[in-house]
Amino acid sequence: MKPAPDRAAGRQLDRRKRARQEPSWRRRAALVACGVAAGVVMASCGGSGASDTSHPTTTRAKSTTTTSIPVTSTTLNPTSAAVLSAYRASWAAFEQALTTANPSDPELAATMVDPQLQSVKANLFADKRAGMVGRGTTTLHPKITALSATTATVVDCAYSRAELLYATTGKPVPPVTPPENDGVRATLVLSGSTWRVSKQTVTEGTCAPGS
């Protein structure tokens, strides 16, 4: 079973999705998955499948012009670099929190905002109550598809090796699934001077490797 940053509000998400963070950064998916149930997705990614590892509420930015930006090594500017760094940081925070199923990990709030933050925390709390933790990593290949002054959209084909385990025995939580490539779509917002993930969805096994 895989862990993940995002989950739909009011819906009990299956354990596999929770292990990936959305994210949705995958669990849940964020994650998060991710979520992965979060990257992990692990999923608290997010969803990140089509597991929606995030709360369905959308954060609305002020009216601004949004530009589609295919990011490459030659076009990456400081803002784009900050967005991608924030996306990766949210996945790292989720994976770290999932190792002990700790919904109070300060890195979650440092890298996410509601509704993603609440979704990930709720899933981690559910894992903790069920005696489950996560292990494994998610390899990210993020690309920015839209960027404005206050919001950004990132898509990814994340390779998830994450899984949920029973904390007391270390045995995998069934169903045990092999590593797979999961599609991730994350929304980031500029919170103060920091980019944070506000929503993340993960679609399991639906993208080409490295895309």
N, C-alpha and C. Protein backbone atom coordinates (compact mmCIF):
# COMPACT_ATOMS: atom_id res chain seq x y z
N MET A 1 0.84 -1.18 0.00
CA MET A 1 0.00 0.00 0.00
C MET A 1 0.87 1.23 0.00
N LYS A 2 0.47 2.22 -0.78
CA LYS A 2 1.27 3.41 -0.90
C LYS A 2 0.73 4.53 -0.03
N PRO A 3 1.65 5.37 0.52
CA PRO A 3 1.20 6.52 1.25
C PRO A 3 1.06 7.79 0.42
N ALA A 4 0.29 8.99 0.57
CA ALA A 4 0.29 10.19 -0.25
C ALA A 4 -0.14 11.51 0.33
N PRO A 5 0.25 14.51 -1.02
CA PRO A 5 -0.63 15.48 -0.48
C PRO A 5 -1.70 15.43 -0.89
N ASP A 6 -4.18 14.98 -0.47
CA ASP A 6 -5.42 15.69 -0.58
C ASP A 6 -6.56 14.69 -0.50
N ARG A 7 -7.61 15.02 0.17
CA ARG A 7 -8.78 14.18 0.19
C ARG A 7 -10.00 15.05 0.05
N ALA A 8 -11.10 14.52 -0.49
CA ALA A 8 -12.32 15.30 -0.60
C ALA A 8 -12.90 15.44 0.79
N ALA A 9 -13.36 16.66 1.10
CA ALA A 9 -13.90 16.91 2.44
C ALA A 9 -15.10 16.04 2.70
N GLY A 10 -15.16 15.52 3.94
CA GLY A 10 -16.31 14.73 4.34
C GLY A 10 -16.34 13.34 3.76
N ARG A 11 -15.29 12.93 3.06
CA ARG A 11 -15.29 11.59 2.47
C ARG A 11 -14.16 10.77 3.08
N GLN A 12 -14.45 9.53 3.42
CA GLN A 12 -13.40 8.66 3.94
C GLN A 12 -12.59 8.13 2.77
N LEU A 13 -11.30 8.51 2.72
CA LEU A 13 -10.48 8.09 1.60
C LEU A 13 -9.84 6.74 1.91
N ASP A 14 -9.57 5.96 0.89
CA ASP A 14 -9.00 4.66 1.16
C ASP A 14 -7.56 4.79 1.62
N ARG A 15 -7.09 3.78 2.30
CA ARG A 15 -5.79 3.86 2.95
C ARG A 15 -4.65 4.04 1.97
N ARG A 16 -4.77 3.43 0.82
CA ARG A 16 -3.70 3.54 -0.14
C ARG A 16 -3.50 4.99 -0.57
N LYS A 17 -4.60 5.69 -0.83
CA LYS A 17 -4.51 7.07 -1.26
C LYS A 17 -3.96 7.94 -0.14
N ARG A 18 -4.37 7.65 1.11
CA ARG A 18 -3.92 8.46 2.21
C ARG A 18 -2.41 8.37 2.36
N ALA A 19 -1.84 7.24 1.93
CA ALA A 19 -0.42 7.07 2.11
C ALA A 19 0.39 7.88 1.14
N ARG A 20 -0.22 8.48 0.13
CA ARG A 20 0.55 9.25 -0.81
C ARG A 20 0.23 10.70 -0.64
N GLN A 21 0.62 11.60 -0.40
CA GLN A 21 0.21 12.99 -0.19
C GLN A 21 -0.29 13.71 -1.32
N GLU A 22 -1.62 13.55 -2.49
CA GLU A 22 -1.76 14.40 -2.83
C GLU A 22 -1.18 14.25 -2.57
N PRO A 23 -0.05 15.20 -2.17
CA PRO A 23 0.27 15.39 -2.40
C PRO A 23 1.08 15.50 -2.50
N SER A 24 -1.65 15.84 -3.02
CA SER A 24 -1.96 16.04 -3.06
C SER A 24 -1.74 15.39 -2.75
N TRP A 25 2.22 15.87 -1.98
CA TRP A 25 2.20 16.86 -1.99
C TRP A 25 1.88 15.72 -2.50
N ARG A 26 2.32 13.11 -2.31
CA ARG A 26 1.05 12.91 -2.89
C ARG A 26 0.13 12.69 -1.84
N ARG A 27 0.14 12.62 -1.11
CA ARG A 27 -0.92 12.29 -0.31
C ARG A 27 -1.72 13.49 -0.19
N ARG A 28 -2.72 13.55 -0.01
CA ARG A 28 -3.75 12.56 -0.12
C ARG A 28 -4.70 13.00 -1.11
N ALA A 29 -1.36 12.90 -0.80
CA ALA A 29 -1.61 13.32 -1.32
C ALA A 29 -1.69 13.44 -1.00
N ALA A 30 -1.05 14.32 -0.86
CA ALA A 30 -0.74 14.90 -0.35
C ALA A 30 -1.09 14.79 -0.05
N LEU A 31 2.13 15.15 -0.34
CA LEU A 31 1.70 15.14 -0.41
C LEU A 31 1.33 15.55 -0.21
N VAL A 32 -0.89 13.86 -0.96
CA VAL A 32 -1.03 14.08 -0.77
C VAL A 32 -1.74 14.04 -1.40
N ALA A 33 -1.44 13.03 -1.03
CA ALA A 33 -1.14 12.41 -1.32
C ALA A 33 -0.72 12.85 -0.87
N CYS A 34 -1.92 14.69 -2.26
CA CYS A 34 -1.14 14.12 -2.11
C CYS A 34 -0.97 14.20 -1.68
N GLY A 35 -1.49 11.79 -2.18
CA GLY A 35 -1.22 11.84 -1.56
C GLY A 35 -1.00 11.08 -1.55
N VAL A 36 -0.40 10.51 -2.30
CA VAL A 36 -0.18 10.17 -2.16
C VAL A 36 -0.90 9.94 -1.65
N ALA A 37 -2.47 9.44 -0.09
CA ALA A 37 -3.52 9.38 0.58
C ALA A 37 -3.23 10.52 1.25
N ALA A 38 -0.29 11.63 -0.70
CA ALA A 38 0.28 11.97 -0.73
C ALA A 38 0.70 11.90 -0.93
N GLY A 39 2.74 12.08 -2.56
CA GLY A 39 3.70 11.83 -2.81
C GLY A 39 3.73 11.69 -2.63
N VAL A 40 3.22 11.47 -0.17
CA VAL A 40 3.37 10.89 -0.50
C VAL A 40 2.67 10.93 -0.55
N VAL A 41 2.22 11.56 -2.46
CA VAL A 41 1.76 11.66 -2.83
C VAL A 41 1.98 10.41 -2.28
N MET A 42 3.34 11.59 0.06
CA MET A 42 2.84 10.31 -0.14
C MET A 42 1.43 10.45 -0.26
N ALA A 43 0.33 11.06 -0.12
CA ALA A 43 -0.37 11.23 0.02
C ALA A 43 -0.85 11.48 0.50
N SER A 44 -0.45 13.38 1.96
CA SER A 44 -1.44 13.20 2.64
C SER A 44 -2.13 13.94 2.01
N CYS A 45 -0.45 14.50 -1.01
CA CYS A 45 -0.32 14.51 -2.10
C CYS A 45 -0.73 14.05 -2.28
N GLY A 46 -1.93 14.56 -2.92
CA GLY A 46 -2.06 14.89 -2.79
C GLY A 46 -3.32 14.60 -3.81
N GLY A 47 -2.66 14.87 -3.08
CA GLY A 47 -3.84 14.24 -3.17
C GLY A 47 -3.49 14.37 -3.13
N SER A 48 -2.04 13.84 -4.78
CA SER A 48 -1.87 13.73 -5.08
C SER A 48 -1.61 13.29 -5.56
N GLY A 49 -6.66 9.93 -6.64
CA GLY A 49 -5.77 9.82 -7.68
C GLY A 49 -5.95 9.71 -8.58
N ALA A 50 -8.70 9.07 -9.95
CA ALA A 50 -8.30 10.41 -9.60
C ALA A 50 -8.56 10.56 -8.15
N SER A 51 -7.52 10.32 -7.38
CA SER A 51 -7.75 10.48 -5.99
C SER A 51 -7.55 11.91 -5.67
N ASP A 52 -8.58 12.49 -5.12
CA ASP A 52 -8.47 13.89 -4.79
C ASP A 52 -7.95 13.97 -3.38
N THR A 53 -6.65 14.27 -3.26
CA THR A 53 -6.06 14.32 -1.94
C THR A 53 -6.25 15.68 -1.33
N SER A 54 -7.11 16.48 -1.87
CA SER A 54 -7.29 17.77 -1.27
C SER A 54 -8.75 18.08 -1.08
N HIS A 55 -9.00 19.07 -0.25
CA HIS A 55 -10.33 19.56 -0.01
C HIS A 55 -10.82 20.20 -1.29
N PRO A 56 -12.09 20.05 -1.64
CA PRO A 56 -12.56 20.58 -2.91
C PRO A 56 -12.62 22.09 -2.98
N THR A 57 -12.53 22.78 -1.86
CA THR A 57 -12.61 24.23 -1.88
C THR A 57 -11.44 24.82 -2.64
N THR A 58 -11.70 25.81 -3.46
CA THR A 58 -10.65 26.45 -4.24
C THR A 58 -10.36 27.83 -3.68
N THR A 59 -9.08 28.14 -3.50
CA THR A 59 -8.69 29.46 -3.06
C THR A 59 -8.67 30.38 -4.26
N ARG A 60 -9.41 31.48 -4.17
CA ARG A 60 -9.49 32.41 -5.29
C ARG A 60 -8.49 33.54 -5.10
N ALA A 61 -7.68 33.77 -6.12
CA ALA A 61 -6.72 34.86 -6.07
C ALA A 61 -7.37 36.10 -6.66
N LYS A 62 -6.79 37.26 -6.38
CA LYS A 62 -7.29 38.49 -6.97
C LYS A 62 -7.13 38.38 -8.48
N SER A 63 -7.95 39.13 -9.18
CA SER A 63 -7.93 39.06 -10.64
C SER A 63 -6.57 39.50 -11.17
N THR A 64 -5.86 38.56 -11.77
CA THR A 64 -4.56 38.86 -12.35
C THR A 64 -4.43 38.10 -13.64
N THR A 65 -3.47 38.48 -14.41
CA THR A 65 -3.23 37.79 -15.67
C THR A 65 -2.41 36.55 -15.41
N THR A 66 -2.90 35.42 -15.88
CA THR A 66 -2.19 34.16 -15.69
C THR A 66 -1.52 33.76 -17.00
N THR A 67 -0.26 33.42 -16.91
CA THR A 67 0.50 33.08 -18.11
C THR A 67 0.93 31.63 -18.05
N SER A 68 0.74 30.92 -19.15
CA SER A 68 1.21 29.55 -19.24
C SER A 68 2.71 29.56 -19.47
N ILE A 69 3.45 28.86 -18.58
CA ILE A 69 4.90 28.90 -18.64
C ILE A 69 5.48 27.50 -18.68
N PRO A 70 5.95 27.03 -19.84
CA PRO A 70 6.66 25.76 -19.86
C PRO A 70 8.06 26.00 -19.30
N VAL A 71 8.32 25.46 -18.11
CA VAL A 71 9.57 25.76 -17.43
C VAL A 71 10.68 24.82 -17.89
N THR A 72 11.78 25.39 -18.32
CA THR A 72 12.96 24.62 -18.68
C THR A 72 14.16 25.24 -17.97
N SER A 73 15.30 24.62 -18.10
CA SER A 73 16.49 25.13 -17.42
C SER A 73 16.86 26.51 -17.92
N THR A 74 16.42 26.87 -19.14
CA THR A 74 16.78 28.17 -19.69
C THR A 74 15.74 29.24 -19.38
N THR A 75 14.53 28.86 -18.96
CA THR A 75 13.50 29.86 -18.71
C THR A 75 13.20 30.02 -17.23
N LEU A 76 13.81 29.21 -16.36
CA LEU A 76 13.52 29.27 -14.94
C LEU A 76 13.97 30.60 -14.36
N ASN A 77 13.00 31.35 -13.81
CA ASN A 77 13.31 32.62 -13.17
C ASN A 77 13.15 32.48 -11.66
N PRO A 78 13.52 33.50 -10.88
CA PRO A 78 13.46 33.38 -9.43
C PRO A 78 12.08 33.00 -8.89
N THR A 79 11.03 33.55 -9.48
CA THR A 79 9.69 33.21 -8.99
C THR A 79 9.35 31.77 -9.28
N SER A 80 9.64 31.32 -10.50
CA SER A 80 9.39 29.92 -10.85
C SER A 80 10.19 28.98 -9.97
N ALA A 81 11.44 29.34 -9.71
CA ALA A 81 12.29 28.52 -8.86
C ALA A 81 11.70 28.44 -7.45
N ALA A 82 11.16 29.54 -6.95
CA ALA A 82 10.57 29.55 -5.61
C ALA A 82 9.32 28.67 -5.55
N VAL A 83 8.52 28.71 -6.61
CA VAL A 83 7.31 27.89 -6.68
C VAL A 83 7.66 26.41 -6.66
N LEU A 84 8.61 26.00 -7.50
CA LEU A 84 8.98 24.60 -7.56
C LEU A 84 9.64 24.14 -6.27
N SER A 85 10.42 25.02 -5.66
CA SER A 85 11.03 24.68 -4.37
C SER A 85 9.97 24.48 -3.30
N ALA A 86 8.93 25.33 -3.32
CA ALA A 86 7.85 25.21 -2.35
C ALA A 86 7.06 23.92 -2.56
N TYR A 87 6.84 23.57 -3.81
CA TYR A 87 6.12 22.33 -4.12
C TYR A 87 6.90 21.13 -3.58
N ARG A 88 8.20 21.10 -3.84
CA ARG A 88 9.02 20.00 -3.35
C ARG A 88 9.07 19.97 -1.82
N ALA A 89 9.11 21.16 -1.21
CA ALA A 89 9.16 21.23 0.25
C ALA A 89 7.90 20.67 0.88
N SER A 90 6.76 20.88 0.23
CA SER A 90 5.51 20.35 0.79
C SER A 90 5.50 18.84 0.76
N TRP A 91 6.05 18.26 -0.30
CA TRP A 91 6.16 16.80 -0.37
C TRP A 91 7.08 16.28 0.72
N ALA A 92 8.23 16.96 0.90
CA ALA A 92 9.19 16.54 1.92
C ALA A 92 8.56 16.63 3.32
N ALA A 93 7.79 17.68 3.55
CA ALA A 93 7.13 17.84 4.85
C ALA A 93 6.13 16.72 5.08
N PHE A 94 5.39 16.39 4.06
CA PHE A 94 4.40 15.32 4.19
C PHE A 94 5.08 13.98 4.48
N GLU A 95 6.12 13.68 3.70
CA GLU A 95 6.80 12.40 3.89
C GLU A 95 7.40 12.30 5.29
N GLN A 96 7.95 13.42 5.78
CA GLN A 96 8.51 13.44 7.12
C GLN A 96 7.44 13.19 8.18
N ALA A 97 6.31 13.89 8.04
CA ALA A 97 5.22 13.74 9.01
C ALA A 97 4.64 12.33 8.97
N LEU A 98 4.63 11.73 7.79
CA LEU A 98 4.03 10.41 7.64
C LEU A 98 4.84 9.32 8.32
N THR A 99 6.14 9.53 8.50
CA THR A 99 6.97 8.50 9.12
C THR A 99 6.53 8.21 10.55
N THR A 100 5.90 9.19 11.19
CA THR A 100 5.37 8.98 12.55
C THR A 100 3.88 9.29 12.63
N ALA A 101 3.26 9.54 11.47
CA ALA A 101 1.85 9.94 11.42
C ALA A 101 1.61 11.11 12.37
N ASN A 102 2.39 12.17 12.20
CA ASN A 102 2.34 13.32 13.10
C ASN A 102 1.64 14.51 12.44
N PRO A 103 0.36 14.74 12.76
CA PRO A 103 -0.36 15.85 12.15
C PRO A 103 0.10 17.22 12.67
N SER A 104 0.91 17.23 13.73
CA SER A 104 1.37 18.49 14.32
C SER A 104 2.77 18.88 13.85
N ASP A 105 3.33 18.16 12.91
CA ASP A 105 4.65 18.50 12.41
C ASP A 105 4.65 19.94 11.90
N PRO A 106 5.51 20.81 12.42
CA PRO A 106 5.49 22.23 12.04
C PRO A 106 5.79 22.49 10.57
N GLU A 107 6.47 21.55 9.91
CA GLU A 107 6.78 21.75 8.50
C GLU A 107 5.54 21.69 7.62
N LEU A 108 4.48 21.06 8.11
CA LEU A 108 3.24 21.03 7.33
C LEU A 108 2.69 22.44 7.15
N ALA A 109 2.58 23.17 8.26
CA ALA A 109 2.06 24.54 8.20
C ALA A 109 3.04 25.48 7.49
N ALA A 110 4.31 25.11 7.48
CA ALA A 110 5.30 25.95 6.82
C ALA A 110 5.24 25.81 5.30
N THR A 111 4.65 24.73 4.82
CA THR A 111 4.64 24.48 3.38
C THR A 111 3.25 24.37 2.76
N MET A 112 2.20 24.38 3.58
CA MET A 112 0.83 24.24 3.10
C MET A 112 -0.08 25.24 3.78
N VAL A 113 -1.20 25.52 3.11
CA VAL A 113 -2.28 26.31 3.70
C VAL A 113 -3.58 25.57 3.45
N ASP A 114 -4.64 25.97 4.13
CA ASP A 114 -5.94 25.35 3.92
C ASP A 114 -6.43 25.63 2.49
N PRO A 115 -7.15 24.69 1.89
CA PRO A 115 -7.68 23.48 2.50
C PRO A 115 -6.71 22.29 2.52
N GLN A 116 -5.58 22.42 1.81
CA GLN A 116 -4.64 21.29 1.76
C GLN A 116 -4.12 20.93 3.15
N LEU A 117 -3.78 21.93 3.93
CA LEU A 117 -3.22 21.68 5.25
C LEU A 117 -4.18 20.89 6.12
N GLN A 118 -5.44 21.31 6.17
CA GLN A 118 -6.41 20.60 7.00
C GLN A 118 -6.65 19.19 6.50
N SER A 119 -6.65 19.00 5.20
CA SER A 119 -6.86 17.68 4.63
C SER A 119 -5.73 16.74 5.01
N VAL A 120 -4.50 17.21 4.87
CA VAL A 120 -3.34 16.39 5.20
C VAL A 120 -3.32 16.06 6.69
N LYS A 121 -3.59 17.06 7.52
CA LYS A 121 -3.61 16.82 8.97
C LYS A 121 -4.67 15.80 9.35
N ALA A 122 -5.84 15.90 8.74
CA ALA A 122 -6.93 14.97 9.06
C ALA A 122 -6.55 13.55 8.69
N ASN A 123 -5.90 13.38 7.56
CA ASN A 123 -5.50 12.05 7.14
C ASN A 123 -4.38 11.49 8.01
N LEU A 124 -3.44 12.33 8.41
CA LEU A 124 -2.39 11.88 9.31
C LEU A 124 -2.96 11.48 10.66
N PHE A 125 -3.93 12.24 11.13
CA PHE A 125 -4.58 11.90 12.39
C PHE A 125 -5.28 10.54 12.28
N ALA A 126 -5.94 10.31 11.14
CA ALA A 126 -6.61 9.03 10.93
C ALA A 126 -5.61 7.88 10.90
N ASP A 127 -4.46 8.11 10.25
CA ASP A 127 -3.42 7.09 10.22
C ASP A 127 -2.90 6.79 11.63
N LYS A 128 -2.66 7.84 12.38
CA LYS A 128 -2.15 7.67 13.74
C LYS A 128 -3.13 6.88 14.59
N ARG A 129 -4.39 7.21 14.47
CA ARG A 129 -5.42 6.52 15.24
C ARG A 129 -5.51 5.05 14.83
N ALA A 130 -5.24 4.77 13.56
CA ALA A 130 -5.30 3.39 13.07
C ALA A 130 -3.99 2.64 13.29
N GLY A 131 -2.97 3.32 13.85
CA GLY A 131 -1.71 2.66 14.11
C GLY A 131 -0.87 2.46 12.86
N MET A 132 -0.99 3.37 11.89
CA MET A 132 -0.26 3.25 10.64
C MET A 132 0.73 4.40 10.47
N VAL A 133 1.86 4.09 9.86
CA VAL A 133 2.86 5.10 9.51
C VAL A 133 3.27 4.84 8.06
N GLY A 134 4.08 5.71 7.52
CA GLY A 134 4.49 5.55 6.14
C GLY A 134 5.99 5.50 5.98
N ARG A 135 6.43 4.90 4.88
CA ARG A 135 7.84 4.91 4.54
C ARG A 135 7.95 4.91 3.02
N GLY A 136 9.13 5.23 2.54
CA GLY A 136 9.32 5.28 1.10
C GLY A 136 9.42 6.71 0.60
N THR A 137 9.80 6.86 -0.64
CA THR A 137 10.00 8.18 -1.20
C THR A 137 9.21 8.35 -2.49
N THR A 138 9.11 9.61 -2.91
CA THR A 138 8.45 9.95 -4.16
C THR A 138 9.40 10.78 -5.00
N THR A 139 9.67 10.34 -6.21
CA THR A 139 10.53 11.10 -7.12
C THR A 139 9.67 12.05 -7.93
N LEU A 140 10.01 13.31 -7.88
CA LEU A 140 9.17 14.35 -8.48
C LEU A 140 9.77 14.85 -9.80
N HIS A 141 8.87 15.24 -10.72
CA HIS A 141 9.25 15.85 -12.00
C HIS A 141 8.31 17.03 -12.27
N PRO A 142 8.30 18.04 -11.40
CA PRO A 142 7.30 19.11 -11.51
C PRO A 142 7.55 20.09 -12.66
N LYS A 143 6.44 20.59 -13.19
CA LYS A 143 6.48 21.62 -14.22
C LYS A 143 5.41 22.65 -13.91
N ILE A 144 5.72 23.90 -14.08
CA ILE A 144 4.75 24.97 -13.88
C ILE A 144 3.97 25.17 -15.17
N THR A 145 2.65 25.13 -15.07
CA THR A 145 1.83 25.35 -16.25
C THR A 145 1.13 26.70 -16.25
N ALA A 146 1.03 27.33 -15.09
CA ALA A 146 0.42 28.66 -15.01
C ALA A 146 1.01 29.39 -13.82
N LEU A 147 1.24 30.68 -14.00
CA LEU A 147 1.85 31.48 -12.93
C LEU A 147 1.36 32.92 -13.00
N SER A 148 0.87 33.41 -11.86
CA SER A 148 0.49 34.82 -11.75
C SER A 148 1.23 35.40 -10.56
N ALA A 149 0.88 36.60 -10.17
CA ALA A 149 1.58 37.24 -9.05
C ALA A 149 1.34 36.51 -7.74
N THR A 150 0.18 35.83 -7.61
CA THR A 150 -0.17 35.23 -6.31
C THR A 150 -0.54 33.76 -6.37
N THR A 151 -0.67 33.18 -7.55
CA THR A 151 -1.02 31.77 -7.65
C THR A 151 -0.18 31.07 -8.72
N ALA A 152 -0.03 29.78 -8.56
CA ALA A 152 0.71 28.99 -9.53
C ALA A 152 0.09 27.60 -9.62
N THR A 153 0.16 27.01 -10.80
CA THR A 153 -0.29 25.64 -11.00
C THR A 153 0.91 24.80 -11.40
N VAL A 154 1.09 23.69 -10.70
CA VAL A 154 2.19 22.77 -10.98
C VAL A 154 1.61 21.41 -11.32
N VAL A 155 2.11 20.79 -12.37
CA VAL A 155 1.73 19.42 -12.71
C VAL A 155 2.97 18.55 -12.59
N ASP A 156 2.74 17.29 -12.34
CA ASP A 156 3.86 16.40 -12.08
C ASP A 156 3.49 14.97 -12.46
N CYS A 157 4.49 14.19 -12.80
CA CYS A 157 4.33 12.74 -12.90
C CYS A 157 5.27 12.17 -11.85
N ALA A 158 4.74 11.90 -10.68
CA ALA A 158 5.54 11.51 -9.53
C ALA A 158 5.67 9.99 -9.46
N TYR A 159 6.89 9.53 -9.28
CA TYR A 159 7.13 8.10 -9.15
C TYR A 159 7.13 7.76 -7.66
N SER A 160 6.09 7.05 -7.23
CA SER A 160 5.90 6.79 -5.81
C SER A 160 6.36 5.39 -5.41
N ARG A 161 7.22 5.36 -4.39
CA ARG A 161 7.63 4.09 -3.77
C ARG A 161 7.10 4.02 -2.34
N ALA A 162 6.17 4.89 -2.02
CA ALA A 162 5.68 5.00 -0.65
C ALA A 162 4.67 3.92 -0.31
N GLU A 163 4.63 3.57 0.95
CA GLU A 163 3.66 2.58 1.41
C GLU A 163 3.33 2.82 2.87
N LEU A 164 2.16 2.34 3.27
CA LEU A 164 1.73 2.41 4.66
C LEU A 164 2.09 1.12 5.37
N LEU A 165 2.52 1.27 6.64
CA LEU A 165 2.88 0.12 7.46
C LEU A 165 2.14 0.19 8.78
N TYR A 166 1.94 -0.96 9.39
CA TYR A 166 1.44 -0.98 10.76
C TYR A 166 2.61 -0.64 11.67
N ALA A 167 2.45 0.38 12.50
CA ALA A 167 3.55 0.88 13.32
C ALA A 167 4.10 -0.17 14.28
N THR A 168 3.24 -1.02 14.82
CA THR A 168 3.68 -1.99 15.82
C THR A 168 4.41 -3.19 15.23
N THR A 169 4.08 -3.54 13.99
CA THR A 169 4.68 -4.74 13.39
C THR A 169 5.61 -4.44 12.22
N GLY A 170 5.47 -3.27 11.62
CA GLY A 170 6.27 -2.94 10.45
C GLY A 170 5.79 -3.62 9.19
N LYS A 171 4.67 -4.32 9.27
CA LYS A 171 4.15 -5.02 8.10
C LYS A 171 3.32 -4.07 7.23
N PRO A 172 3.38 -4.24 5.90
CA PRO A 172 2.61 -3.36 5.01
C PRO A 172 1.11 -3.49 5.22
N VAL A 173 0.42 -2.37 5.06
CA VAL A 173 -1.03 -2.37 5.13
C VAL A 173 -1.57 -2.79 3.76
N PRO A 174 -2.36 -3.85 3.70
CA PRO A 174 -2.89 -4.30 2.41
C PRO A 174 -3.93 -3.33 1.86
N PRO A 175 -4.13 -3.28 0.54
CA PRO A 175 -3.40 -4.09 -0.45
C PRO A 175 -2.02 -3.53 -0.74
N VAL A 176 -1.02 -4.39 -0.83
CA VAL A 176 0.34 -3.96 -1.15
C VAL A 176 0.43 -3.72 -2.65
N THR A 177 0.90 -2.56 -3.03
CA THR A 177 0.97 -2.21 -4.45
C THR A 177 2.40 -1.88 -4.85
N PRO A 178 2.79 -2.16 -6.08
CA PRO A 178 4.15 -1.85 -6.53
C PRO A 178 4.31 -0.36 -6.78
N PRO A 179 5.54 0.12 -6.89
CA PRO A 179 5.76 1.53 -7.23
C PRO A 179 5.05 1.88 -8.53
N GLU A 180 4.62 3.14 -8.65
CA GLU A 180 3.90 3.54 -9.85
C GLU A 180 4.08 5.01 -10.11
N ASN A 181 3.74 5.42 -11.33
CA ASN A 181 3.78 6.83 -11.71
C ASN A 181 2.39 7.44 -11.55
N ASP A 182 2.31 8.52 -10.77
CA ASP A 182 1.03 9.13 -10.46
C ASP A 182 0.99 10.58 -10.95
N GLY A 183 -0.13 10.93 -11.57
CA GLY A 183 -0.31 12.30 -12.02
C GLY A 183 -0.69 13.20 -10.86
N VAL A 184 -0.04 14.35 -10.76
CA VAL A 184 -0.29 15.30 -9.68
C VAL A 184 -0.60 16.67 -10.27
N ARG A 185 -1.57 17.34 -9.68
CA ARG A 185 -1.87 18.73 -10.05
C ARG A 185 -1.99 19.53 -8.75
N ALA A 186 -1.13 20.51 -8.59
CA ALA A 186 -1.10 21.28 -7.35
C ALA A 186 -1.31 22.76 -7.62
N THR A 187 -2.03 23.41 -6.70
CA THR A 187 -2.19 24.86 -6.74
C THR A 187 -1.41 25.44 -5.57
N LEU A 188 -0.57 26.41 -5.86
CA LEU A 188 0.18 27.09 -4.82
C LEU A 188 -0.24 28.55 -4.76
N VAL A 189 -0.21 29.11 -3.58
CA VAL A 189 -0.56 30.52 -3.41
C VAL A 189 0.58 31.21 -2.67
N LEU A 190 0.73 32.50 -2.94
CA LEU A 190 1.74 33.29 -2.25
C LEU A 190 1.15 33.74 -0.93
N SER A 191 1.66 33.18 0.16
CA SER A 191 1.16 33.49 1.51
C SER A 191 2.21 34.33 2.20
N GLY A 192 1.94 35.65 2.30
CA GLY A 192 2.97 36.55 2.79
C GLY A 192 4.04 36.64 1.73
N SER A 193 5.23 36.18 2.07
CA SER A 193 6.32 36.17 1.09
C SER A 193 6.71 34.75 0.71
N THR A 194 5.88 33.78 1.11
CA THR A 194 6.22 32.37 0.90
C THR A 194 5.17 31.66 0.08
N TRP A 195 5.60 30.88 -0.90
CA TRP A 195 4.69 30.05 -1.68
C TRP A 195 4.36 28.80 -0.88
N ARG A 196 3.05 28.45 -0.83
CA ARG A 196 2.61 27.26 -0.13
C ARG A 196 1.55 26.54 -0.96
N VAL A 197 1.46 25.23 -0.80
CA VAL A 197 0.45 24.44 -1.52
C VAL A 197 -0.91 24.63 -0.86
N SER A 198 -1.90 25.00 -1.65
CA SER A 198 -3.25 25.18 -1.12
C SER A 198 -4.20 24.06 -1.53
N LYS A 199 -3.87 23.36 -2.60
CA LYS A 199 -4.71 22.27 -3.06
C LYS A 199 -3.87 21.34 -3.92
N GLN A 200 -4.16 20.05 -3.80
CA GLN A 200 -3.42 19.08 -4.60
C GLN A 200 -4.27 17.86 -4.88
N THR A 201 -4.25 17.41 -6.11
CA THR A 201 -4.97 16.20 -6.48
C THR A 201 -3.98 15.22 -7.10
N VAL A 202 -4.22 13.96 -6.84
CA VAL A 202 -3.34 12.91 -7.36
C VAL A 202 -4.17 11.88 -8.08
N THR A 203 -3.76 11.52 -9.28
CA THR A 203 -4.43 10.48 -10.06
C THR A 203 -3.47 9.32 -10.21
N GLU A 204 -3.79 8.21 -9.59
CA GLU A 204 -2.84 7.10 -9.52
C GLU A 204 -2.63 6.39 -10.86
N GLY A 205 -1.35 6.16 -11.17
CA GLY A 205 -0.99 5.36 -12.33
C GLY A 205 -1.47 5.88 -13.66
N THR A 206 -1.46 7.22 -13.83
CA THR A 206 -2.05 7.77 -15.04
C THR A 206 -1.12 8.66 -15.84
N CYS A 207 0.19 8.56 -15.65
CA CYS A 207 1.07 9.42 -16.43
C CYS A 207 2.27 8.62 -16.92
N ALA A 208 2.91 9.14 -17.96
CA ALA A 208 4.08 8.49 -18.51
C ALA A 208 5.29 8.80 -17.64
N PRO A 209 6.16 7.84 -17.40
CA PRO A 209 7.32 8.06 -16.55
C PRO A 209 8.13 9.28 -16.97
N GLY A 210 8.42 10.16 -16.00
CA GLY A 210 9.24 11.33 -16.26
C GLY A 210 8.53 12.47 -16.97
N SER A 211 7.22 12.30 -17.23
CA SER A 211 6.51 13.35 -17.96
C SER A 211 6.08 14.47 -17.04
